[in-house]
N, C-alpha and C. Protein backbone atom coordinates (compact mmCIF):
# COMPACT_ATOMS: atom_id res chain seq x y z
N MET A 1 13.92 -90.73 109.77
CA MET A 1 13.02 -91.41 110.75
C MET A 1 12.53 -92.04 109.02
N ARG A 2 12.86 -93.42 109.37
CA ARG A 2 12.33 -94.50 107.83
C ARG A 2 11.46 -94.42 107.49
N ILE A 3 10.14 -93.87 108.18
CA ILE A 3 8.75 -93.44 107.55
C ILE A 3 8.75 -93.28 106.22
N LYS A 4 9.55 -92.55 106.66
CA LYS A 4 9.81 -92.39 104.48
C LYS A 4 10.72 -92.25 103.61
N TRP A 5 11.39 -93.85 103.90
CA TRP A 5 11.28 -94.28 103.17
C TRP A 5 10.50 -96.34 102.82
N PHE A 6 10.16 -96.13 103.37
CA PHE A 6 9.23 -97.42 103.20
C PHE A 6 8.09 -97.32 104.31
N LEU A 7 7.57 -98.52 103.75
CA LEU A 7 5.93 -98.33 104.86
C LEU A 7 5.44 -99.89 104.73
N ILE A 8 5.54 -100.08 106.05
CA ILE A 8 4.87 -101.24 106.70
C ILE A 8 3.53 -101.40 106.54
N PHE A 9 3.25 -102.84 105.87
CA PHE A 9 1.78 -103.14 106.24
C PHE A 9 1.82 -104.71 105.87
N THR A 10 0.57 -105.14 107.06
CA THR A 10 0.62 -106.61 107.23
C THR A 10 -0.23 -107.59 106.20
N PHE A 11 0.22 -108.81 106.17
CA PHE A 11 -0.33 -110.23 105.39
C PHE A 11 -1.16 -110.92 106.61
N ASN A 12 -1.89 -111.36 106.48
CA ASN A 12 -2.31 -112.76 106.61
C ASN A 12 -1.27 -112.76 107.90
N GLY A 13 -0.89 -110.96 109.02
CA GLY A 13 -0.45 -112.11 110.10
C GLY A 13 1.43 -111.54 110.14
N LEU A 14 1.64 -111.11 108.94
CA LEU A 14 3.27 -111.20 109.30
C LEU A 14 3.24 -109.88 108.74
N ALA A 15 4.88 -109.19 108.65
CA ALA A 15 4.44 -107.52 108.62
C ALA A 15 6.28 -107.82 107.84
N PHE A 16 5.30 -106.29 106.24
CA PHE A 16 6.21 -106.92 105.42
C PHE A 16 6.73 -105.06 105.39
N ALA A 17 7.72 -105.04 104.65
CA ALA A 17 8.01 -103.77 103.82
C ALA A 17 8.79 -103.26 102.48
N GLN A 18 7.30 -102.72 102.58
CA GLN A 18 7.39 -101.70 100.82
C GLN A 18 8.17 -100.92 100.91
N PHE A 19 9.29 -100.82 100.51
CA PHE A 19 10.22 -99.45 99.75
C PHE A 19 9.23 -97.98 98.72
N LEU A 20 8.92 -97.05 99.53
CA LEU A 20 8.45 -96.45 98.74
C LEU A 20 9.45 -95.51 97.78
N PRO A 21 8.05 -95.30 96.27
CA PRO A 21 8.95 -94.70 95.55
C PRO A 21 10.38 -93.63 95.41
N GLU A 22 10.93 -93.37 94.50
CA GLU A 22 11.96 -92.16 95.47
C GLU A 22 11.19 -91.00 95.34
N ASP A 23 10.41 -90.29 94.44
CA ASP A 23 9.46 -89.31 94.37
C ASP A 23 8.76 -89.00 95.71
N THR A 24 8.23 -90.25 96.75
CA THR A 24 7.52 -89.65 98.04
C THR A 24 8.52 -89.29 98.70
N VAL A 25 10.19 -89.59 98.40
CA VAL A 25 10.75 -89.21 100.08
C VAL A 25 10.53 -87.50 100.14
N LEU A 26 10.30 -87.35 101.43
CA LEU A 26 10.42 -85.92 101.84
C LEU A 26 12.50 -85.28 101.92
N VAL A 27 12.47 -84.02 101.21
CA VAL A 27 14.09 -83.96 101.17
C VAL A 27 13.73 -82.43 101.18
N ASP A 28 14.75 -81.48 102.44
CA ASP A 28 15.45 -81.05 102.67
C ASP A 28 16.10 -79.76 101.14
N ILE A 29 15.08 -78.73 100.96
CA ILE A 29 15.43 -77.60 99.93
C ILE A 29 16.95 -78.03 99.41
N GLN A 30 17.87 -77.41 100.55
CA GLN A 30 18.69 -76.93 100.63
C GLN A 30 19.38 -77.65 100.41
N LYS A 31 18.85 -79.17 100.95
CA LYS A 31 20.65 -80.11 100.21
C LYS A 31 20.08 -80.45 98.83
N ILE A 32 19.42 -80.63 98.48
CA ILE A 32 19.28 -79.63 96.63
C ILE A 32 19.40 -78.98 96.23
N ASN A 33 19.24 -78.19 96.89
CA ASN A 33 19.85 -76.44 95.94
C ASN A 33 19.76 -75.36 97.52
N PRO A 34 21.24 -75.36 97.61
CA PRO A 34 21.69 -74.82 98.98
C PRO A 34 21.83 -72.92 99.29
N ARG A 35 20.64 -73.20 97.65
CA ARG A 35 20.81 -71.37 97.01
C ARG A 35 20.39 -70.81 97.30
N ILE A 36 19.69 -71.61 97.79
CA ILE A 36 17.50 -71.12 97.17
C ILE A 36 17.65 -70.98 99.30
N LYS A 37 17.12 -69.89 99.18
CA LYS A 37 16.62 -69.45 100.74
C LYS A 37 15.66 -69.31 102.28
N VAL A 38 16.30 -69.67 103.47
CA VAL A 38 14.79 -70.46 103.57
C VAL A 38 14.90 -69.62 105.03
N GLU A 39 13.33 -69.48 105.12
CA GLU A 39 12.95 -68.01 106.18
C GLU A 39 11.66 -68.65 106.80
N ILE A 40 11.10 -69.98 107.31
CA ILE A 40 10.56 -70.49 107.98
C ILE A 40 9.92 -70.04 108.75
N ARG A 41 8.45 -69.44 108.23
CA ARG A 41 7.92 -68.44 109.38
C ARG A 41 7.36 -68.81 110.48
N TYR A 42 6.50 -70.60 110.22
CA TYR A 42 6.14 -71.09 111.33
C TYR A 42 6.73 -70.90 112.08
N ALA A 43 8.34 -71.36 111.83
CA ALA A 43 9.31 -71.48 113.00
C ALA A 43 9.38 -70.28 114.21
N THR A 44 8.91 -69.92 113.52
CA THR A 44 8.96 -68.50 114.35
C THR A 44 8.05 -67.50 115.13
N THR A 45 7.93 -67.38 115.15
CA THR A 45 6.00 -66.33 115.74
C THR A 45 6.00 -65.05 115.16
N ASN A 46 6.95 -65.16 113.93
CA ASN A 46 6.62 -63.95 113.15
C ASN A 46 5.65 -64.56 111.77
N ASN A 47 4.74 -64.58 112.58
CA ASN A 47 4.08 -65.67 111.33
C ASN A 47 1.91 -64.86 111.77
N PHE A 48 1.21 -65.32 111.33
CA PHE A 48 -0.76 -64.50 111.50
C PHE A 48 -0.88 -65.26 113.14
N THR A 49 -0.20 -66.31 113.55
CA THR A 49 -0.87 -67.13 114.94
C THR A 49 0.49 -65.66 115.64
N GLY A 50 1.37 -65.70 115.83
CA GLY A 50 1.74 -64.94 116.58
C GLY A 50 2.83 -66.51 117.54
N ARG A 51 2.63 -67.46 117.09
CA ARG A 51 3.22 -69.04 117.72
C ARG A 51 3.64 -69.71 116.84
N LYS A 52 4.92 -69.51 117.82
CA LYS A 52 5.71 -71.60 117.25
C LYS A 52 5.79 -72.35 116.47
N LEU A 53 5.48 -72.04 115.53
CA LEU A 53 4.31 -73.65 115.22
C LEU A 53 5.40 -74.94 115.08
N TYR A 54 6.26 -74.30 114.42
CA TYR A 54 7.42 -75.91 114.41
C TYR A 54 8.53 -75.75 114.95
N ASN A 55 9.08 -77.00 115.21
CA ASN A 55 10.51 -76.71 116.18
C ASN A 55 11.69 -76.62 115.77
N VAL A 56 11.39 -77.19 113.98
CA VAL A 56 12.74 -76.97 113.18
C VAL A 56 12.76 -76.38 112.09
N GLU A 57 13.52 -75.00 111.31
CA GLU A 57 13.25 -74.54 110.23
C GLU A 57 13.81 -74.53 109.88
N LYS A 58 13.35 -75.50 109.04
CA LYS A 58 13.59 -76.25 107.78
C LYS A 58 12.26 -76.45 106.20
N CYS A 59 12.71 -76.66 105.04
CA CYS A 59 12.18 -76.95 104.03
C CYS A 59 12.69 -78.57 103.89
N PHE A 60 11.37 -78.91 103.85
CA PHE A 60 11.14 -80.55 103.65
C PHE A 60 9.84 -80.10 102.46
N LEU A 61 10.10 -80.99 101.04
CA LEU A 61 9.41 -81.95 99.93
C LEU A 61 8.68 -82.36 99.36
N ARG A 62 8.66 -83.53 98.65
CA ARG A 62 9.03 -83.66 97.91
C ARG A 62 9.39 -84.35 96.65
N LYS A 63 10.60 -85.58 97.33
CA LYS A 63 11.61 -84.89 95.47
C LYS A 63 11.57 -84.16 94.03
N PHE A 64 9.88 -84.81 93.78
CA PHE A 64 10.03 -84.06 92.49
C PHE A 64 8.98 -82.92 92.90
N VAL A 65 9.92 -82.37 93.57
CA VAL A 65 8.51 -81.21 93.98
C VAL A 65 9.73 -80.35 94.03
N ALA A 66 11.03 -80.90 95.04
CA ALA A 66 12.04 -80.40 95.52
C ALA A 66 12.91 -79.63 94.25
N MET A 67 13.19 -81.15 93.31
CA MET A 67 14.12 -80.78 91.99
C MET A 67 13.01 -80.00 90.83
N LYS A 68 12.11 -79.33 90.97
CA LYS A 68 10.53 -78.17 89.80
C LYS A 68 11.99 -77.21 90.10
N LEU A 69 11.50 -77.13 92.03
CA LEU A 69 11.79 -75.55 92.23
C LEU A 69 13.87 -75.45 92.15
N ASP A 70 14.61 -76.53 92.25
CA ASP A 70 15.86 -76.49 92.19
C ASP A 70 16.22 -75.68 90.56
N SER A 71 15.04 -75.43 89.49
CA SER A 71 14.85 -75.67 88.49
C SER A 71 14.84 -74.13 88.37
N VAL A 72 13.59 -74.23 88.90
CA VAL A 72 13.31 -72.05 89.34
C VAL A 72 14.33 -71.30 89.52
N GLN A 73 14.45 -71.53 90.51
CA GLN A 73 15.86 -70.93 91.19
C GLN A 73 17.51 -71.03 90.22
N ARG A 74 17.59 -71.76 89.12
CA ARG A 74 18.95 -72.23 88.45
C ARG A 74 18.52 -71.34 87.41
N ASP A 75 17.07 -71.69 87.24
CA ASP A 75 16.61 -70.59 85.59
C ASP A 75 16.66 -68.87 86.58
N LEU A 76 15.97 -68.88 87.45
CA LEU A 76 16.31 -67.22 87.77
C LEU A 76 17.88 -67.18 87.79
N GLU A 77 18.70 -67.99 88.69
CA GLU A 77 19.69 -67.02 88.51
C GLU A 77 20.76 -66.48 87.61
N LYS A 78 19.75 -66.64 86.30
CA LYS A 78 20.65 -66.14 84.96
C LYS A 78 20.42 -64.32 84.97
N PHE A 79 19.54 -64.54 86.14
CA PHE A 79 18.94 -62.58 85.95
C PHE A 79 18.71 -62.56 87.50
N GLY A 80 20.00 -62.48 87.68
CA GLY A 80 20.06 -62.51 88.78
C GLY A 80 19.65 -62.04 90.46
N LEU A 81 19.07 -62.90 90.29
CA LEU A 81 17.61 -63.30 91.14
C LEU A 81 17.17 -65.32 91.68
N GLY A 82 16.28 -64.78 92.17
CA GLY A 82 17.12 -66.27 93.33
C GLY A 82 15.12 -66.63 94.23
N LEU A 83 15.16 -67.85 94.72
CA LEU A 83 14.07 -67.81 95.67
C LEU A 83 14.13 -67.61 96.96
N LYS A 84 13.07 -67.83 97.61
CA LYS A 84 13.23 -67.37 99.53
C LYS A 84 11.76 -68.16 99.89
N VAL A 85 11.73 -69.92 100.36
CA VAL A 85 11.24 -69.90 101.49
C VAL A 85 10.17 -69.24 102.48
N TRP A 86 9.30 -69.50 102.80
CA TRP A 86 8.81 -69.28 103.37
C TRP A 86 7.92 -70.42 104.65
N ASP A 87 7.27 -71.21 103.04
CA ASP A 87 6.44 -72.40 104.47
C ASP A 87 6.69 -74.22 102.89
N CYS A 88 6.89 -75.01 103.78
CA CYS A 88 6.14 -75.98 102.41
C CYS A 88 6.36 -77.01 102.71
N TYR A 89 6.19 -78.22 103.37
CA TYR A 89 6.07 -79.17 103.58
C TYR A 89 5.63 -78.98 105.25
N ARG A 90 4.12 -79.55 105.72
CA ARG A 90 3.43 -79.32 106.74
C ARG A 90 2.38 -79.88 107.51
N PRO A 91 3.05 -80.36 109.14
CA PRO A 91 2.01 -81.42 109.32
C PRO A 91 0.35 -81.46 109.95
N LEU A 92 -0.14 -82.13 109.34
CA LEU A 92 -1.48 -82.28 109.46
C LEU A 92 -2.08 -81.44 110.41
N SER A 93 -1.51 -81.83 111.74
CA SER A 93 -2.03 -81.24 113.25
C SER A 93 -1.64 -79.91 113.09
N VAL A 94 -0.42 -78.76 112.86
CA VAL A 94 -0.19 -77.51 111.93
C VAL A 94 -1.32 -77.06 111.07
N GLN A 95 -2.07 -77.76 110.90
CA GLN A 95 -2.69 -77.01 109.55
C GLN A 95 -3.76 -77.11 110.22
N LYS A 96 -4.74 -77.87 110.98
CA LYS A 96 -5.20 -77.89 111.81
C LYS A 96 -5.36 -76.41 112.85
N ILE A 97 -4.18 -76.11 113.54
CA ILE A 97 -3.81 -74.69 114.36
C ILE A 97 -4.56 -73.52 113.37
N LEU A 98 -3.47 -73.16 112.13
CA LEU A 98 -4.30 -72.59 111.53
C LEU A 98 -5.85 -72.30 110.79
N TRP A 99 -5.91 -72.99 110.73
CA TRP A 99 -8.29 -73.20 110.03
C TRP A 99 -8.55 -72.22 111.37
N SER A 100 -8.39 -72.73 112.36
CA SER A 100 -9.03 -72.79 113.72
C SER A 100 -8.99 -71.54 113.90
N ILE A 101 -7.70 -70.33 113.45
CA ILE A 101 -7.61 -68.76 113.74
C ILE A 101 -8.62 -68.31 112.54
N VAL A 102 -8.35 -68.81 111.23
CA VAL A 102 -8.65 -68.71 110.40
C VAL A 102 -9.17 -69.81 109.08
N PRO A 103 -10.97 -69.74 109.37
CA PRO A 103 -10.99 -71.17 108.96
C PRO A 103 -12.11 -70.34 107.64
N ASP A 104 -11.73 -70.41 106.39
CA ASP A 104 -11.23 -69.31 105.42
C ASP A 104 -10.38 -70.33 104.04
N GLU A 105 -11.25 -71.12 103.55
CA GLU A 105 -11.13 -71.75 101.84
C GLU A 105 -10.23 -70.91 101.17
N ARG A 106 -10.46 -69.06 101.05
CA ARG A 106 -9.87 -68.15 99.86
C ARG A 106 -8.13 -68.36 100.49
N TYR A 107 -7.53 -68.80 102.13
CA TYR A 107 -6.39 -68.82 101.94
C TYR A 107 -6.01 -69.82 103.05
N VAL A 108 -6.84 -70.39 103.90
CA VAL A 108 -6.62 -70.95 104.54
C VAL A 108 -7.83 -72.80 104.45
N ALA A 109 -6.32 -73.72 104.35
CA ALA A 109 -7.15 -75.29 103.31
C ALA A 109 -7.43 -76.15 104.58
N ASN A 110 -9.22 -76.39 104.75
CA ASN A 110 -9.70 -77.44 105.32
C ASN A 110 -8.87 -78.58 105.57
N PRO A 111 -8.53 -78.09 107.70
CA PRO A 111 -7.59 -79.69 107.28
C PRO A 111 -9.10 -81.21 107.49
N ALA A 112 -10.28 -80.56 107.39
CA ALA A 112 -10.66 -82.41 106.98
C ALA A 112 -10.83 -82.41 105.45
N LYS A 113 -9.93 -81.94 104.25
CA LYS A 113 -9.69 -81.99 102.98
C LYS A 113 -7.77 -81.74 102.67
N GLY A 114 -7.60 -81.51 104.04
CA GLY A 114 -6.24 -81.27 103.82
C GLY A 114 -5.09 -80.51 102.42
N SER A 115 -4.27 -79.55 103.53
CA SER A 115 -3.92 -78.68 101.91
C SER A 115 -2.34 -79.60 101.41
N ARG A 116 -2.09 -78.46 100.26
CA ARG A 116 -1.48 -79.37 98.93
C ARG A 116 0.35 -78.97 100.06
N HIS A 117 0.32 -78.66 101.11
CA HIS A 117 1.63 -78.05 101.76
C HIS A 117 1.13 -79.87 102.63
N ASN A 118 0.25 -79.67 103.43
CA ASN A 118 -0.02 -81.04 104.66
C ASN A 118 0.71 -82.95 103.41
N ARG A 119 0.90 -82.56 101.69
CA ARG A 119 1.60 -83.49 100.99
C ARG A 119 2.79 -83.50 100.50
N GLY A 120 3.50 -81.60 101.12
CA GLY A 120 4.84 -82.41 100.43
C GLY A 120 4.68 -81.04 99.22
N CYS A 121 3.88 -80.95 98.97
CA CYS A 121 3.58 -80.61 96.73
C CYS A 121 3.10 -78.74 97.26
N ALA A 122 3.34 -78.57 97.74
CA ALA A 122 3.05 -76.87 98.17
C ALA A 122 4.12 -75.84 98.42
N VAL A 123 4.88 -74.37 97.92
CA VAL A 123 5.69 -74.13 98.34
C VAL A 123 4.95 -72.78 99.21
N ASP A 124 5.62 -72.05 99.62
CA ASP A 124 4.93 -70.40 99.99
C ASP A 124 6.57 -70.25 99.81
N LEU A 125 6.80 -69.20 98.58
CA LEU A 125 7.74 -68.39 98.27
C LEU A 125 8.11 -66.60 97.53
N THR A 126 8.44 -66.43 97.47
CA THR A 126 9.42 -64.92 97.16
C THR A 126 10.49 -65.30 96.33
N LEU A 127 10.61 -64.09 95.78
CA LEU A 127 11.51 -63.64 94.56
C LEU A 127 12.95 -62.93 95.86
N VAL A 128 13.64 -62.52 95.80
CA VAL A 128 15.16 -62.05 95.80
C VAL A 128 16.59 -61.59 95.00
N ASP A 129 16.73 -60.12 96.05
CA ASP A 129 18.25 -60.23 94.34
C ASP A 129 19.58 -61.11 94.04
N SER A 130 20.38 -60.88 93.91
CA SER A 130 21.79 -61.27 94.12
C SER A 130 22.45 -61.85 95.28
N LEU A 131 21.91 -60.28 95.90
CA LEU A 131 22.19 -60.63 97.71
C LEU A 131 21.28 -61.00 98.85
N GLY A 132 20.46 -61.46 98.08
CA GLY A 132 19.07 -61.97 99.67
C GLY A 132 18.13 -61.38 99.49
N ASN A 133 17.81 -60.44 98.86
CA ASN A 133 17.23 -58.52 99.66
C ASN A 133 15.90 -59.45 98.89
N GLU A 134 14.73 -58.85 99.42
CA GLU A 134 13.24 -59.51 98.89
C GLU A 134 13.18 -58.93 98.38
N LEU A 135 12.21 -58.48 97.23
CA LEU A 135 11.94 -57.77 95.99
C LEU A 135 10.54 -57.08 96.42
N PRO A 136 10.22 -56.31 95.95
CA PRO A 136 8.75 -55.65 96.39
C PRO A 136 7.91 -56.40 95.73
N MET A 137 6.85 -56.78 97.45
CA MET A 137 5.68 -57.73 96.61
C MET A 137 4.49 -57.02 96.78
N PRO A 138 3.20 -57.86 96.21
CA PRO A 138 1.76 -57.14 96.30
C PRO A 138 1.85 -56.80 97.93
N THR A 139 1.90 -57.33 99.16
CA THR A 139 2.17 -57.69 100.39
C THR A 139 3.06 -58.43 100.22
N GLY A 140 2.97 -59.02 102.52
CA GLY A 140 3.84 -59.47 103.18
C GLY A 140 2.76 -60.80 102.96
N TYR A 141 3.78 -61.33 104.15
CA TYR A 141 3.54 -63.21 103.90
C TYR A 141 1.93 -63.05 105.03
N ASP A 142 0.86 -64.35 104.51
CA ASP A 142 0.00 -64.38 104.40
C ASP A 142 -0.66 -63.07 104.76
N ASP A 143 -0.53 -62.09 104.03
CA ASP A 143 -2.05 -60.78 104.14
C ASP A 143 -3.16 -61.76 103.62
N PHE A 144 -3.37 -61.75 104.14
CA PHE A 144 -5.76 -62.03 104.08
C PHE A 144 -6.33 -61.28 103.56
N THR A 145 -6.28 -60.12 102.73
CA THR A 145 -6.61 -59.00 102.07
C THR A 145 -6.55 -59.20 99.98
N GLU A 146 -7.62 -58.32 99.55
CA GLU A 146 -7.87 -58.62 98.07
C GLU A 146 -6.08 -58.43 97.65
N LYS A 147 -5.37 -57.58 98.40
CA LYS A 147 -4.30 -57.37 97.46
C LYS A 147 -3.16 -58.18 97.20
N ALA A 148 -3.75 -59.32 97.95
CA ALA A 148 -2.76 -60.28 98.54
C ALA A 148 -3.30 -61.01 96.55
N HIS A 149 -4.51 -60.67 95.92
CA HIS A 149 -4.70 -61.96 95.43
C HIS A 149 -3.91 -61.58 93.93
N ARG A 150 -4.72 -63.32 92.93
CA ARG A 150 -3.26 -62.43 91.87
C ARG A 150 -4.10 -61.05 90.99
N ASP A 151 -5.56 -61.37 91.13
CA ASP A 151 -5.61 -60.64 90.03
C ASP A 151 -6.19 -59.19 90.75
N TYR A 152 -5.24 -58.64 91.70
CA TYR A 152 -6.16 -56.72 91.95
C TYR A 152 -4.98 -56.36 91.42
N TYR A 153 -5.42 -55.26 90.47
CA TYR A 153 -3.99 -54.75 89.33
C TYR A 153 -4.33 -53.46 90.19
N ASN A 154 -4.38 -53.06 91.32
CA ASN A 154 -4.64 -51.30 92.04
C ASN A 154 -2.65 -51.51 92.31
N LEU A 155 -2.53 -51.43 92.06
CA LEU A 155 -0.65 -51.69 92.73
C LEU A 155 0.41 -50.70 91.63
N PRO A 156 1.29 -51.19 92.39
CA PRO A 156 2.81 -49.99 91.74
C PRO A 156 3.09 -50.89 90.75
N ASP A 157 3.22 -50.15 88.90
CA ASP A 157 4.21 -51.36 88.58
C ASP A 157 4.74 -52.30 88.52
N THR A 158 5.78 -51.68 89.49
CA THR A 158 7.15 -52.77 89.97
C THR A 158 6.16 -53.76 90.86
N LEU A 159 5.30 -53.84 91.59
CA LEU A 159 4.84 -54.81 92.66
C LEU A 159 4.32 -55.65 91.33
N ILE A 160 3.86 -55.16 90.12
CA ILE A 160 2.71 -56.00 89.65
C ILE A 160 4.20 -56.65 88.50
N LYS A 161 4.99 -56.02 88.20
CA LYS A 161 6.05 -56.55 87.48
C LYS A 161 7.38 -57.87 87.81
N ASN A 162 7.38 -57.50 89.08
CA ASN A 162 7.22 -58.60 90.27
C ASN A 162 7.01 -59.61 90.17
N ARG A 163 5.39 -59.31 90.66
CA ARG A 163 4.66 -60.88 90.94
C ARG A 163 4.54 -61.66 90.08
N THR A 164 4.63 -60.86 88.48
CA THR A 164 4.31 -61.70 86.68
C THR A 164 5.45 -62.14 87.44
N ILE A 165 6.89 -62.10 87.37
CA ILE A 165 8.44 -62.82 87.21
C ILE A 165 8.27 -64.26 87.92
N LEU A 166 7.67 -63.76 89.23
CA LEU A 166 7.39 -65.38 89.70
C LEU A 166 6.73 -66.48 89.73
N GLU A 167 4.77 -65.30 88.87
CA GLU A 167 4.02 -66.54 88.94
C GLU A 167 4.82 -67.19 87.03
N ASN A 168 5.18 -66.64 86.66
CA ASN A 168 5.61 -66.75 85.39
C ASN A 168 6.83 -68.30 85.41
N VAL A 169 7.78 -67.99 86.39
CA VAL A 169 9.34 -68.44 86.30
C VAL A 169 8.33 -69.97 86.80
N MET A 170 7.67 -69.94 87.71
CA MET A 170 7.11 -70.88 88.44
C MET A 170 6.22 -71.65 87.40
N LYS A 171 5.30 -70.97 86.71
CA LYS A 171 4.20 -72.10 86.16
C LYS A 171 4.99 -72.35 84.80
N LYS A 172 6.44 -71.94 84.45
CA LYS A 172 7.68 -72.32 83.62
C LYS A 172 7.78 -74.26 83.92
N TYR A 173 7.34 -74.69 85.31
CA TYR A 173 8.52 -75.83 85.89
C TYR A 173 7.40 -76.40 86.37
N GLY A 174 6.45 -76.33 86.27
CA GLY A 174 5.15 -77.06 86.30
C GLY A 174 4.11 -76.83 88.25
N PHE A 175 4.81 -75.67 88.50
CA PHE A 175 3.57 -75.36 89.72
C PHE A 175 2.32 -74.27 89.59
N ILE A 176 1.42 -74.57 90.32
CA ILE A 176 0.49 -74.02 89.82
C ILE A 176 -0.58 -72.61 90.50
N PRO A 177 -0.42 -71.81 90.23
CA PRO A 177 -0.79 -70.52 91.67
C PRO A 177 -2.01 -70.67 92.02
N LEU A 178 -2.41 -70.26 93.23
CA LEU A 178 -3.15 -70.26 94.21
C LEU A 178 -3.74 -68.42 93.57
N PRO A 179 -5.19 -68.52 93.01
CA PRO A 179 -5.66 -67.77 93.41
C PRO A 179 -5.74 -66.39 94.09
N THR A 180 -5.52 -66.72 95.70
CA THR A 180 -5.98 -65.20 96.59
C THR A 180 -4.54 -65.26 96.99
N GLU A 181 -3.45 -65.75 96.83
CA GLU A 181 -1.99 -65.38 97.65
C GLU A 181 -0.66 -64.72 97.14
N TRP A 182 -0.28 -64.43 96.40
CA TRP A 182 0.35 -64.49 94.99
C TRP A 182 1.56 -65.33 95.50
N TRP A 183 2.04 -65.67 97.14
CA TRP A 183 3.32 -66.91 97.75
C TRP A 183 3.23 -68.03 97.02
N HIS A 184 1.48 -68.14 96.90
CA HIS A 184 2.09 -69.70 97.23
C HIS A 184 1.61 -70.80 95.96
N PHE A 185 2.38 -71.77 95.39
CA PHE A 185 2.37 -72.41 94.57
C PHE A 185 1.75 -73.65 95.19
N ASP A 186 1.77 -74.77 94.03
CA ASP A 186 0.91 -75.57 94.34
C ASP A 186 1.76 -77.17 93.32
N CYS A 187 2.53 -77.95 92.85
CA CYS A 187 2.64 -78.37 92.58
C CYS A 187 2.20 -79.58 91.60
N GLU A 188 1.99 -79.83 90.08
CA GLU A 188 1.57 -80.33 89.49
C GLU A 188 2.00 -82.14 90.07
N GLY A 189 0.74 -82.95 90.03
CA GLY A 189 0.69 -84.07 90.44
C GLY A 189 0.57 -84.18 92.14
N TRP A 190 0.15 -83.39 92.45
CA TRP A 190 0.20 -83.02 94.49
C TRP A 190 -0.85 -84.01 94.86
N GLU A 191 -2.69 -84.59 93.73
CA GLU A 191 -3.28 -85.08 94.61
C GLU A 191 -2.96 -86.47 94.19
N LYS A 192 -1.66 -87.71 93.33
CA LYS A 192 -1.37 -88.71 94.19
C LYS A 192 -0.91 -88.63 95.42
N PHE A 193 -0.80 -87.90 96.00
CA PHE A 193 0.46 -88.22 97.35
C PHE A 193 -0.62 -87.62 98.38
N SER A 194 -0.82 -88.40 99.74
CA SER A 194 -1.20 -88.65 100.83
C SER A 194 -1.21 -87.43 101.71
N ILE A 195 -1.60 -87.09 103.03
CA ILE A 195 -1.87 -86.38 103.57
C ILE A 195 -0.80 -86.71 104.39
N LEU A 196 0.08 -86.26 105.27
CA LEU A 196 0.41 -86.57 106.05
C LEU A 196 0.98 -85.55 107.72
N ASP A 197 0.53 -86.08 108.86
CA ASP A 197 1.44 -85.77 109.98
C ASP A 197 2.57 -85.64 110.45
N ILE A 198 3.47 -86.43 110.02
CA ILE A 198 5.06 -85.81 110.59
C ILE A 198 6.01 -84.74 111.43
N PRO A 199 5.75 -84.68 112.64
CA PRO A 199 6.48 -83.33 112.48
C PRO A 199 7.67 -83.33 112.54
N LEU A 200 8.40 -81.90 111.44
CA LEU A 200 9.57 -81.76 111.01
C LEU A 200 10.99 -82.42 111.48
N GLU A 201 10.65 -82.44 112.90
CA GLU A 201 12.37 -82.55 113.94
C GLU A 201 12.40 -83.89 113.91
N GLU A 202 10.74 -85.05 112.78
CA GLU A 202 11.33 -86.59 112.81
C GLU A 202 12.44 -86.86 111.39
N ILE A 203 11.91 -85.97 110.29
CA ILE A 203 12.66 -85.85 109.11
C ILE A 203 13.49 -85.48 108.88
N LYS A 204 14.46 -87.26 108.47
CA LYS A 204 15.96 -86.97 108.47
C LYS A 204 16.09 -86.89 106.87
């Protein structure tokens, strides 16, 4: 879809095409690093809505975000670990559906403000071992309880350790952890990018 490459605008009745900086392009994470596991929950019914909200199971991110995530993956591989992503770019129309079910800004961004996901600058993910098996974490994905909070410590040491490994390596490469969701990270610089509502199947 050409919208990801240039912006059409008019001046004095004439149309112009302005090419966008490469970092604004949405890219498929597996074209950047195919070793990053992808299990997009909203492309299935295995999510808190019980509905399939995406038509394709792909992780799209702004290119600069994808490159940082590639660095995270390469770093983790030194220790026999890797990443599995659950959600990346999310169209604004899907954000509105999530908000209609859980209108709580601790866990779901108000679509009136937009989510970092809607900007292609946030990712939900977890750690996997060298065989692709998920490491134990404090909760499952989209658990809207205090156990998912980063400051919740009434947990076995192994779960705290795994959560900390993920948080530290993400922060090392410029990702900001969300306090209420151990799996959610925003990329530094997200505020420079606009909210999008392009369906995933239209991104090429």
